[in-house]
N, C-alpha and C. Protein backbone atom coordinates (compact mmCIF):
# COMPACT_ATOMS: atom_id res chain seq x y z
N MET A 1 -149.14 -92.25 94.79
CA MET A 1 -148.33 -91.41 95.66
C MET A 1 -149.24 -90.40 96.36
N ASP A 2 -149.20 -90.40 97.68
CA ASP A 2 -149.99 -89.44 98.45
C ASP A 2 -149.09 -88.35 99.00
N ILE A 3 -149.57 -87.12 98.93
CA ILE A 3 -148.85 -86.00 99.54
C ILE A 3 -149.24 -85.96 101.01
N ARG A 4 -148.24 -86.06 101.88
CA ARG A 4 -148.50 -86.05 103.33
C ARG A 4 -148.56 -84.65 103.90
N ARG A 5 -147.66 -83.78 103.44
CA ARG A 5 -147.67 -82.40 103.94
C ARG A 5 -146.69 -81.55 103.13
N ILE A 6 -146.81 -80.26 103.28
CA ILE A 6 -145.82 -79.33 102.73
C ILE A 6 -144.66 -79.28 103.71
N THR A 7 -143.44 -79.44 103.21
CA THR A 7 -142.27 -79.40 104.09
C THR A 7 -141.47 -78.11 103.95
N GLU A 8 -141.54 -77.49 102.76
CA GLU A 8 -140.73 -76.29 102.53
C GLU A 8 -141.41 -75.41 101.49
N VAL A 9 -141.32 -74.10 101.73
CA VAL A 9 -141.80 -73.11 100.78
C VAL A 9 -140.64 -72.16 100.53
N GLY A 10 -140.22 -72.04 99.27
CA GLY A 10 -139.12 -71.15 98.91
C GLY A 10 -139.66 -69.79 98.50
N ILE A 11 -139.10 -68.74 99.09
CA ILE A 11 -139.52 -67.37 98.81
C ILE A 11 -138.29 -66.59 98.33
N ALA A 12 -138.40 -65.97 97.16
CA ALA A 12 -137.32 -65.14 96.62
C ALA A 12 -137.57 -63.68 97.01
N VAL A 13 -136.55 -63.03 97.56
CA VAL A 13 -136.68 -61.64 98.02
C VAL A 13 -135.45 -60.84 97.61
N HIS A 14 -135.61 -59.53 97.61
CA HIS A 14 -134.48 -58.64 97.35
C HIS A 14 -133.65 -58.42 98.61
N ASP A 15 -134.33 -58.26 99.75
CA ASP A 15 -133.66 -57.93 101.01
C ASP A 15 -133.89 -59.05 102.02
N LEU A 16 -132.89 -59.88 102.22
CA LEU A 16 -133.02 -61.04 103.10
C LEU A 16 -133.31 -60.64 104.54
N ASP A 17 -132.57 -59.67 105.07
CA ASP A 17 -132.75 -59.27 106.47
C ASP A 17 -134.16 -58.75 106.73
N GLU A 18 -134.67 -57.94 105.82
CA GLU A 18 -136.03 -57.40 105.97
C GLU A 18 -137.07 -58.51 105.95
N ALA A 19 -136.93 -59.44 105.02
CA ALA A 19 -137.91 -60.53 104.89
C ALA A 19 -137.86 -61.46 106.10
N VAL A 20 -136.66 -61.78 106.58
CA VAL A 20 -136.53 -62.65 107.75
C VAL A 20 -137.13 -61.97 108.98
N ALA A 21 -136.90 -60.68 109.14
CA ALA A 21 -137.48 -59.93 110.26
C ALA A 21 -139.00 -59.99 110.22
N LEU A 22 -139.56 -59.94 109.03
CA LEU A 22 -141.02 -60.04 108.87
C LEU A 22 -141.52 -61.40 109.36
N PHE A 23 -140.82 -62.47 108.99
CA PHE A 23 -141.20 -63.81 109.46
C PHE A 23 -141.09 -63.91 110.98
N GLU A 24 -140.06 -63.30 111.55
CA GLU A 24 -139.90 -63.32 113.01
C GLU A 24 -141.02 -62.55 113.70
N ASN A 25 -141.32 -61.36 113.20
CA ASN A 25 -142.31 -60.50 113.84
C ASN A 25 -143.75 -60.96 113.64
N LEU A 26 -144.09 -61.43 112.44
CA LEU A 26 -145.47 -61.83 112.16
C LEU A 26 -145.79 -63.24 112.63
N PHE A 27 -144.82 -64.16 112.49
CA PHE A 27 -145.10 -65.57 112.73
C PHE A 27 -144.29 -66.18 113.87
N ASP A 28 -143.47 -65.37 114.54
CA ASP A 28 -142.59 -65.87 115.60
C ASP A 28 -141.75 -67.04 115.08
N ALA A 29 -141.24 -66.90 113.87
CA ALA A 29 -140.48 -67.97 113.22
C ALA A 29 -139.17 -68.25 113.94
N GLU A 30 -138.78 -69.52 113.93
CA GLU A 30 -137.45 -69.92 114.38
C GLU A 30 -136.52 -69.75 113.18
N VAL A 31 -135.51 -68.93 113.32
CA VAL A 31 -134.64 -68.59 112.18
C VAL A 31 -133.32 -69.34 112.28
N GLY A 32 -132.94 -69.98 111.18
CA GLY A 32 -131.68 -70.71 111.11
C GLY A 32 -130.53 -69.80 110.74
N GLU A 33 -129.37 -70.40 110.61
CA GLU A 33 -128.16 -69.66 110.28
C GLU A 33 -128.16 -69.20 108.82
N LEU A 34 -127.37 -68.19 108.55
CA LEU A 34 -127.21 -67.69 107.19
C LEU A 34 -126.37 -68.68 106.39
N ILE A 35 -126.88 -69.08 105.24
CA ILE A 35 -126.17 -70.00 104.35
C ILE A 35 -125.86 -69.26 103.05
N ASP A 36 -124.58 -69.17 102.71
CA ASP A 36 -124.17 -68.60 101.43
C ASP A 36 -124.00 -69.73 100.43
N VAL A 37 -124.49 -69.51 99.21
CA VAL A 37 -124.36 -70.51 98.15
C VAL A 37 -123.71 -69.83 96.95
N PRO A 38 -122.37 -69.68 96.97
CA PRO A 38 -121.66 -68.98 95.91
C PRO A 38 -121.91 -69.57 94.52
N MET A 39 -122.09 -70.87 94.46
CA MET A 39 -122.32 -71.54 93.18
C MET A 39 -123.55 -70.98 92.45
N TYR A 40 -124.54 -70.52 93.22
CA TYR A 40 -125.77 -69.98 92.64
C TYR A 40 -125.93 -68.48 92.90
N ASP A 41 -124.88 -67.82 93.39
CA ASP A 41 -124.93 -66.38 93.68
C ASP A 41 -126.15 -66.02 94.52
N MET A 42 -126.32 -66.75 95.62
CA MET A 42 -127.45 -66.50 96.50
C MET A 42 -127.07 -66.82 97.95
N ARG A 43 -127.91 -66.39 98.86
CA ARG A 43 -127.81 -66.75 100.27
C ARG A 43 -129.23 -66.94 100.79
N PHE A 44 -129.36 -67.67 101.89
CA PHE A 44 -130.69 -67.91 102.42
C PHE A 44 -130.66 -68.19 103.91
N LYS A 45 -131.83 -68.05 104.52
CA LYS A 45 -132.06 -68.47 105.90
C LYS A 45 -133.36 -69.28 105.89
N MET A 46 -133.38 -70.32 106.71
CA MET A 46 -134.60 -71.09 106.89
C MET A 46 -135.37 -70.48 108.05
N CYS A 47 -136.66 -70.25 107.83
CA CYS A 47 -137.54 -69.72 108.87
C CYS A 47 -138.63 -70.76 109.12
N ARG A 48 -138.57 -71.41 110.27
CA ARG A 48 -139.52 -72.47 110.59
C ARG A 48 -140.75 -71.87 111.28
N VAL A 49 -141.90 -72.19 110.71
CA VAL A 49 -143.19 -71.80 111.28
C VAL A 49 -143.99 -73.08 111.42
N GLY A 50 -144.20 -73.53 112.64
CA GLY A 50 -144.86 -74.82 112.85
C GLY A 50 -143.99 -75.93 112.30
N LYS A 51 -144.55 -76.72 111.38
CA LYS A 51 -143.80 -77.82 110.78
C LYS A 51 -143.31 -77.50 109.37
N VAL A 52 -143.44 -76.24 108.97
CA VAL A 52 -143.06 -75.84 107.61
C VAL A 52 -141.83 -74.94 107.66
N ASP A 53 -140.85 -75.25 106.81
CA ASP A 53 -139.67 -74.41 106.65
C ASP A 53 -139.87 -73.48 105.46
N PHE A 54 -139.66 -72.19 105.69
CA PHE A 54 -139.68 -71.21 104.62
C PHE A 54 -138.23 -70.89 104.30
N GLU A 55 -137.81 -71.22 103.09
CA GLU A 55 -136.45 -70.91 102.64
C GLU A 55 -136.49 -69.52 102.02
N VAL A 56 -136.00 -68.54 102.76
CA VAL A 56 -136.03 -67.15 102.30
C VAL A 56 -134.69 -66.88 101.62
N MET A 57 -134.74 -66.61 100.31
CA MET A 57 -133.54 -66.54 99.47
C MET A 57 -133.36 -65.16 98.85
N ALA A 58 -132.12 -64.70 98.80
CA ALA A 58 -131.81 -63.41 98.19
C ALA A 58 -130.55 -63.54 97.34
N PRO A 59 -130.46 -62.73 96.29
CA PRO A 59 -129.27 -62.79 95.43
C PRO A 59 -128.06 -62.13 96.09
N THR A 60 -126.88 -62.56 95.67
CA THR A 60 -125.63 -61.93 96.12
C THR A 60 -124.88 -61.31 94.95
N ALA A 61 -125.47 -61.37 93.77
CA ALA A 61 -124.86 -60.81 92.56
C ALA A 61 -125.98 -60.34 91.63
N PRO A 62 -125.66 -59.49 90.66
CA PRO A 62 -126.68 -58.98 89.74
C PRO A 62 -127.34 -60.05 88.87
N THR A 63 -126.64 -61.17 88.67
CA THR A 63 -127.22 -62.28 87.91
C THR A 63 -127.03 -63.55 88.73
N GLY A 64 -127.79 -64.55 88.39
CA GLY A 64 -127.75 -65.82 89.12
C GLY A 64 -129.16 -66.34 89.27
N VAL A 65 -129.30 -67.47 89.90
CA VAL A 65 -130.60 -68.14 90.01
C VAL A 65 -131.67 -67.22 90.59
N ILE A 66 -131.41 -66.63 91.74
CA ILE A 66 -132.43 -65.81 92.41
C ILE A 66 -132.53 -64.43 91.77
N ALA A 67 -131.40 -63.82 91.41
CA ALA A 67 -131.44 -62.50 90.76
C ALA A 67 -132.23 -62.57 89.46
N ASP A 68 -132.01 -63.61 88.67
CA ASP A 68 -132.74 -63.77 87.41
C ASP A 68 -134.22 -63.99 87.65
N PHE A 69 -134.55 -64.79 88.66
CA PHE A 69 -135.95 -65.03 89.02
C PHE A 69 -136.62 -63.71 89.41
N LEU A 70 -135.96 -62.93 90.26
CA LEU A 70 -136.53 -61.65 90.71
C LEU A 70 -136.70 -60.68 89.55
N ALA A 71 -135.75 -60.65 88.63
CA ALA A 71 -135.84 -59.75 87.47
C ALA A 71 -137.03 -60.11 86.58
N LYS A 72 -137.30 -61.40 86.46
CA LYS A 72 -138.38 -61.86 85.59
C LYS A 72 -139.75 -61.83 86.27
N ARG A 73 -139.81 -62.25 87.54
CA ARG A 73 -141.11 -62.44 88.20
C ARG A 73 -141.34 -61.55 89.42
N GLY A 74 -140.28 -60.94 89.94
CA GLY A 74 -140.42 -60.15 91.16
C GLY A 74 -140.38 -61.05 92.39
N PRO A 75 -140.42 -60.45 93.57
CA PRO A 75 -140.34 -61.24 94.80
C PRO A 75 -141.59 -62.08 95.01
N GLY A 76 -141.39 -63.23 95.64
CA GLY A 76 -142.54 -64.09 95.95
C GLY A 76 -142.19 -65.55 95.90
N LEU A 77 -143.22 -66.36 95.71
CA LEU A 77 -143.09 -67.82 95.73
C LEU A 77 -142.12 -68.31 94.66
N HIS A 78 -141.14 -69.10 95.07
CA HIS A 78 -140.16 -69.68 94.17
C HIS A 78 -140.37 -71.18 94.00
N HIS A 79 -140.63 -71.90 95.10
CA HIS A 79 -140.86 -73.34 95.01
C HIS A 79 -141.59 -73.85 96.25
N ILE A 80 -142.17 -75.03 96.13
CA ILE A 80 -142.82 -75.72 97.24
C ILE A 80 -142.33 -77.16 97.23
N ALA A 81 -142.00 -77.69 98.41
CA ALA A 81 -141.57 -79.09 98.54
C ALA A 81 -142.60 -79.84 99.39
N PHE A 82 -142.87 -81.08 99.00
CA PHE A 82 -143.87 -81.90 99.69
C PHE A 82 -143.23 -83.15 100.27
N ALA A 83 -143.76 -83.64 101.38
CA ALA A 83 -143.42 -84.96 101.89
C ALA A 83 -144.42 -85.93 101.25
N VAL A 84 -143.89 -87.00 100.67
CA VAL A 84 -144.75 -87.99 100.02
C VAL A 84 -144.46 -89.37 100.61
N ASP A 85 -145.33 -90.33 100.32
CA ASP A 85 -145.19 -91.67 100.88
C ASP A 85 -143.94 -92.39 100.42
N ASP A 86 -143.48 -92.16 99.22
CA ASP A 86 -142.30 -92.88 98.75
C ASP A 86 -141.20 -91.91 98.40
């Protein structure tokens, strides 16, 4: 299996609007619509820079997938997705 490229980088943040504005200002990112994911108590926006999508994610409740991640590790890299041959 060969890795062809990085397709997505997930970033966990406390303040979604602030982080998305940073992507817009620093990288001229194309920003997608706001997606709420109640099942995981989170929301996100995709910020496209070149051929890579940055999934910028923030919690919507004190606990949940992203809130728990932030409490344990702080803001930053959450996941990376790759395009592969198969």
